[in-house]
Amino acid sequence: MAKKAVATLRTTGGKGLTKVIQMERSEKTNAYAFKETFVPTDDVKEFLKK
């Protein structure tokens, strides 16, 4: 008999962050690397302008 899934209560602390993935190319090997950062949701557009 399968167990019933129990809902968990979420805290509101992590909802203000957005995961941003940027692609960078290595000068030595010409390979692509992906850089992942968490940015506050309000600052995403400013972060991507860099």
PDB file of N, CA and C in Angstrom:
ATOM      1  N   MET A   1       0.836  -1.176   0.000  1.00  0.00           N
ATOM      2  CA  MET A   1       0.000   0.000   0.000  1.00  0.00           C
ATOM      3  C   MET A   1       0.887   1.248   0.000  1.00  0.00           C
ATOM      4  N   ALA A   2       0.597   2.196  -0.858  1.00  0.00           N
ATOM      5  CA  ALA A   2       1.424   3.392  -0.998  1.00  0.00           C
ATOM      6  C   ALA A   2       1.165   4.363   0.143  1.00  0.00           C
ATOM      7  N   LYS A   3       2.205   5.099   0.497  1.00  0.00           N
ATOM      8  CA  LYS A   3       2.060   6.105   1.548  1.00  0.00           C
ATOM      9  C   LYS A   3       1.490   7.389   0.962  1.00  0.00           C
ATOM     10  N   LYS A   4       0.730   8.077   1.758  1.00  0.00           N
ATOM     11  CA  LYS A   4       0.143   9.342   1.334  1.00  0.00           C
ATOM     12  C   LYS A   4       1.186  10.448   1.465  1.00  0.00           C
ATOM     13  N   ALA A   5       1.304  11.281   0.446  1.00  0.00           N
ATOM     14  CA  ALA A   5       2.255  12.391   0.489  1.00  0.00           C
ATOM     15  C   ALA A   5       1.748  13.451   1.459  1.00  0.00           C
ATOM     16  N   VAL A   6       2.652  13.959   2.272  1.00  0.00           N
ATOM     17  CA  VAL A   6       2.286  14.966   3.260  1.00  0.00           C
ATOM     18  C   VAL A   6       2.769  16.320   2.764  1.00  0.00           C
ATOM     19  N   ALA A   7       1.880  17.291   2.739  1.00  0.00           N
ATOM     20  CA  ALA A   7       2.245  18.636   2.290  1.00  0.00           C
ATOM     21  C   ALA A   7       3.123  19.299   3.344  1.00  0.00           C
ATOM     22  N   THR A   8       4.112  20.045   2.890  1.00  0.00           N
ATOM     23  CA  THR A   8       4.987  20.765   3.807  1.00  0.00           C
ATOM     24  C   THR A   8       4.683  22.247   3.740  1.00  0.00           C
ATOM     25  N   LEU A   9       4.933  22.922   4.814  1.00  0.00           N
ATOM     26  CA  LEU A   9       4.712  24.364   4.861  1.00  0.00           C
ATOM     27  C   LEU A   9       5.968  25.067   4.379  1.00  0.00           C
ATOM     28  N   ARG A  10       5.808  25.989   3.475  1.00  0.00           N
ATOM     29  CA  ARG A  10       6.952  26.736   2.954  1.00  0.00           C
ATOM     30  C   ARG A  10       7.134  28.028   3.726  1.00  0.00           C
ATOM     31  N   THR A  11       8.377  28.430   3.839  1.00  0.00           N
ATOM     32  CA  THR A  11       8.649  29.736   4.425  1.00  0.00           C
ATOM     33  C   THR A  11       8.730  30.750   3.300  1.00  0.00           C
ATOM     34  N   THR A  12       8.457  31.988   3.574  1.00  0.00           N
ATOM     35  CA  THR A  12       8.431  33.012   2.532  1.00  0.00           C
ATOM     36  C   THR A  12       9.806  33.625   2.296  1.00  0.00           C
ATOM     37  N   GLY A  13      10.851  33.117   2.917  1.00  0.00           N
ATOM     38  CA  GLY A  13      12.174  33.713   2.795  1.00  0.00           C
ATOM     39  C   GLY A  13      12.824  33.532   1.437  1.00  0.00           C
ATOM     40  N   GLY A  14      12.550  32.451   0.703  1.00  0.00           N
ATOM     41  CA  GLY A  14      13.236  32.173  -0.546  1.00  0.00           C
ATOM     42  C   GLY A  14      12.496  32.599  -1.789  1.00  0.00           C
ATOM     43  N   LYS A  15      11.360  33.225  -1.660  1.00  0.00           N
ATOM     44  CA  LYS A  15      10.570  33.559  -2.838  1.00  0.00           C
ATOM     45  C   LYS A  15      11.089  34.779  -3.575  1.00  0.00           C
ATOM     46  N   GLY A  16      11.947  35.573  -2.961  1.00  0.00           N
ATOM     47  CA  GLY A  16      12.414  36.799  -3.584  1.00  0.00           C
ATOM     48  C   GLY A  16      13.659  36.616  -4.424  1.00  0.00           C
ATOM     49  N   LEU A  17      14.069  35.377  -4.698  1.00  0.00           N
ATOM     50  CA  LEU A  17      15.296  35.127  -5.452  1.00  0.00           C
ATOM     51  C   LEU A  17      14.982  34.490  -6.798  1.00  0.00           C
ATOM     52  N   THR A  18      15.817  34.802  -7.785  1.00  0.00           N
ATOM     53  CA  THR A  18      15.694  34.233  -9.121  1.00  0.00           C
ATOM     54  C   THR A  18      17.034  33.632  -9.509  1.00  0.00           C
ATOM     55  N   LYS A  19      17.014  32.454 -10.110  1.00  0.00           N
ATOM     56  CA  LYS A  19      18.240  31.797 -10.557  1.00  0.00           C
ATOM     57  C   LYS A  19      18.577  32.294 -11.954  1.00  0.00           C
ATOM     58  N   VAL A  20      19.779  32.853 -12.104  1.00  0.00           N
ATOM     59  CA  VAL A  20      20.233  33.385 -13.388  1.00  0.00           C
ATOM     60  C   VAL A  20      21.377  32.508 -13.881  1.00  0.00           C
ATOM     61  N   ILE A  21      21.265  32.038 -15.120  1.00  0.00           N
ATOM     62  CA  ILE A  21      22.302  31.196 -15.718  1.00  0.00           C
ATOM     63  C   ILE A  21      22.925  31.966 -16.869  1.00  0.00           C
ATOM     64  N   GLN A  22      24.243  32.195 -16.792  1.00  0.00           N
ATOM     65  CA  GLN A  22      24.958  32.915 -17.841  1.00  0.00           C
ATOM     66  C   GLN A  22      25.928  31.968 -18.530  1.00  0.00           C
ATOM     67  N   MET A  23      26.082  32.146 -19.833  1.00  0.00           N
ATOM     68  CA  MET A  23      26.991  31.320 -20.609  1.00  0.00           C
ATOM     69  C   MET A  23      28.264  32.116 -20.872  1.00  0.00           C
ATOM     70  N   GLU A  24      29.410  31.526 -20.546  1.00  0.00           N
ATOM     71  CA  GLU A  24      30.700  32.166 -20.767  1.00  0.00           C
ATOM     72  C   GLU A  24      31.564  31.244 -21.610  1.00  0.00           C
ATOM     73  N   ARG A  25      32.366  31.840 -22.472  1.00  0.00           N
ATOM     74  CA  ARG A  25      33.247  31.054 -23.330  1.00  0.00           C
ATOM     75  C   ARG A  25      34.686  31.177 -22.832  1.00  0.00           C
ATOM     76  N   SER A  26      35.364  30.055 -22.689  1.00  0.00           N
ATOM     77  CA  SER A  26      36.745  30.026 -22.236  1.00  0.00           C
ATOM     78  C   SER A  26      37.666  30.458 -23.374  1.00  0.00           C
ATOM     79  N   GLU A  27      38.621  31.313 -23.053  1.00  0.00           N
ATOM     80  CA  GLU A  27      39.559  31.776 -24.081  1.00  0.00           C
ATOM     81  C   GLU A  27      40.576  30.695 -24.447  1.00  0.00           C
ATOM     82  N   LYS A  28      40.917  29.830 -23.502  1.00  0.00           N
ATOM     83  CA  LYS A  28      41.919  28.801 -23.750  1.00  0.00           C
ATOM     84  C   LYS A  28      41.383  27.659 -24.613  1.00  0.00           C
ATOM     85  N   THR A  29      40.219  27.134 -24.253  1.00  0.00           N
ATOM     86  CA  THR A  29      39.714  25.933 -24.920  1.00  0.00           C
ATOM     87  C   THR A  29      38.524  26.191 -25.836  1.00  0.00           C
ATOM     88  N   ASN A  30      38.011  27.411 -25.854  1.00  0.00           N
ATOM     89  CA  ASN A  30      36.817  27.776 -26.627  1.00  0.00           C
ATOM     90  C   ASN A  30      35.592  26.954 -26.235  1.00  0.00           C
ATOM     91  N   ALA A  31      35.616  26.397 -25.038  1.00  0.00           N
ATOM     92  CA  ALA A  31      34.466  25.642 -24.540  1.00  0.00           C
ATOM     93  C   ALA A  31      33.540  26.582 -23.767  1.00  0.00           C
ATOM     94  N   TYR A  32      32.278  26.229 -23.736  1.00  0.00           N
ATOM     95  CA  TYR A  32      31.305  27.034 -23.005  1.00  0.00           C
ATOM     96  C   TYR A  32      31.186  26.536 -21.571  1.00  0.00           C
ATOM     97  N   ALA A  33      31.074  27.477 -20.649  1.00  0.00           N
ATOM     98  CA  ALA A  33      30.848  27.166 -19.240  1.00  0.00           C
ATOM     99  C   ALA A  33      29.626  27.947 -18.784  1.00  0.00           C
ATOM    100  N   PHE A  34      28.855  27.348 -17.903  1.00  0.00           N
ATOM    101  CA  PHE A  34      27.640  27.989 -17.421  1.00  0.00           C
ATOM    102  C   PHE A  34      27.832  28.417 -15.979  1.00  0.00           C
ATOM    103  N   LYS A  35      27.543  29.675 -15.711  1.00  0.00           N
ATOM    104  CA  LYS A  35      27.702  30.254 -14.388  1.00  0.00           C
ATOM    105  C   LYS A  35      26.305  30.506 -13.814  1.00  0.00           C
ATOM    106  N   GLU A  36      26.005  29.889 -12.673  1.00  0.00           N
ATOM    107  CA  GLU A  36      24.689  30.014 -12.055  1.00  0.00           C
ATOM    108  C   GLU A  36      24.789  30.872 -10.804  1.00  0.00           C
ATOM    109  N   THR A  37      23.926  31.871 -10.695  1.00  0.00           N
ATOM    110  CA  THR A  37      23.877  32.724  -9.518  1.00  0.00           C
ATOM    111  C   THR A  37      22.427  32.982  -9.144  1.00  0.00           C
ATOM    112  N   PHE A  38      22.203  33.264  -7.874  1.00  0.00           N
ATOM    113  CA  PHE A  38      20.884  33.644  -7.392  1.00  0.00           C
ATOM    114  C   PHE A  38      20.887  35.143  -7.143  1.00  0.00           C
ATOM    115  N   VAL A  39      19.924  35.828  -7.731  1.00  0.00           N
ATOM    116  CA  VAL A  39      19.837  37.283  -7.680  1.00  0.00           C
ATOM    117  C   VAL A  39      18.454  37.644  -7.145  1.00  0.00           C
ATOM    118  N   PRO A  40      18.352  38.706  -6.324  1.00  0.00           N
ATOM    119  CA  PRO A  40      17.020  39.159  -5.915  1.00  0.00           C
ATOM    120  C   PRO A  40      16.175  39.492  -7.142  1.00  0.00           C
ATOM    121  N   THR A  41      14.901  39.160  -7.099  1.00  0.00           N
ATOM    122  CA  THR A  41      14.011  39.305  -8.251  1.00  0.00           C
ATOM    123  C   THR A  41      13.959  40.742  -8.759  1.00  0.00           C
ATOM    124  N   ASP A  42      14.047  41.705  -7.873  1.00  0.00           N
ATOM    125  CA  ASP A  42      13.978  43.107  -8.279  1.00  0.00           C
ATOM    126  C   ASP A  42      15.208  43.551  -9.063  1.00  0.00           C
ATOM    127  N   ASP A  43      16.350  42.883  -8.887  1.00  0.00           N
ATOM    128  CA  ASP A  43      17.610  43.313  -9.495  1.00  0.00           C
ATOM    129  C   ASP A  43      18.010  42.499 -10.719  1.00  0.00           C
ATOM    130  N   VAL A  44      17.136  41.669 -11.253  1.00  0.00           N
ATOM    131  CA  VAL A  44      17.501  40.782 -12.363  1.00  0.00           C
ATOM    132  C   VAL A  44      17.865  41.577 -13.612  1.00  0.00           C
ATOM    133  N   LYS A  45      17.063  42.567 -13.981  1.00  0.00           N
ATOM    134  CA  LYS A  45      17.334  43.337 -15.196  1.00  0.00           C
ATOM    135  C   LYS A  45      18.652  44.090 -15.093  1.00  0.00           C
ATOM    136  N   GLU A  46      18.948  44.649 -13.930  1.00  0.00           N
ATOM    137  CA  GLU A  46      20.216  45.353 -13.732  1.00  0.00           C
ATOM    138  C   GLU A  46      21.393  44.386 -13.804  1.00  0.00           C
ATOM    139  N   PHE A  47      21.226  43.185 -13.262  1.00  0.00           N
ATOM    140  CA  PHE A  47      22.292  42.191 -13.271  1.00  0.00           C
ATOM    141  C   PHE A  47      22.606  41.729 -14.691  1.00  0.00           C
ATOM    142  N   LEU A  48      21.584  41.570 -15.523  1.00  0.00           N
ATOM    143  CA  LEU A  48      21.791  41.091 -16.888  1.00  0.00           C
ATOM    144  C   LEU A  48      22.359  42.165 -17.807  1.00  0.00           C
ATOM    145  N   LYS A  49      22.270  43.427 -17.440  1.00  0.00           N
ATOM    146  CA  LYS A  49      22.837  44.501 -18.252  1.00  0.00           C
ATOM    147  C   LYS A  49      24.359  44.511 -18.200  1.00  0.00           C
ATOM    148  N   LYS A  50      24.950  43.917 -17.161  1.00  0.00           N
ATOM    149  CA  LYS A  50      26.409  43.914 -16.988  1.00  0.00           C
ATOM    150  C   LYS A  50      27.100  43.166 -18.098  1.00  0.00           C
TER     151      LYS A  50
END
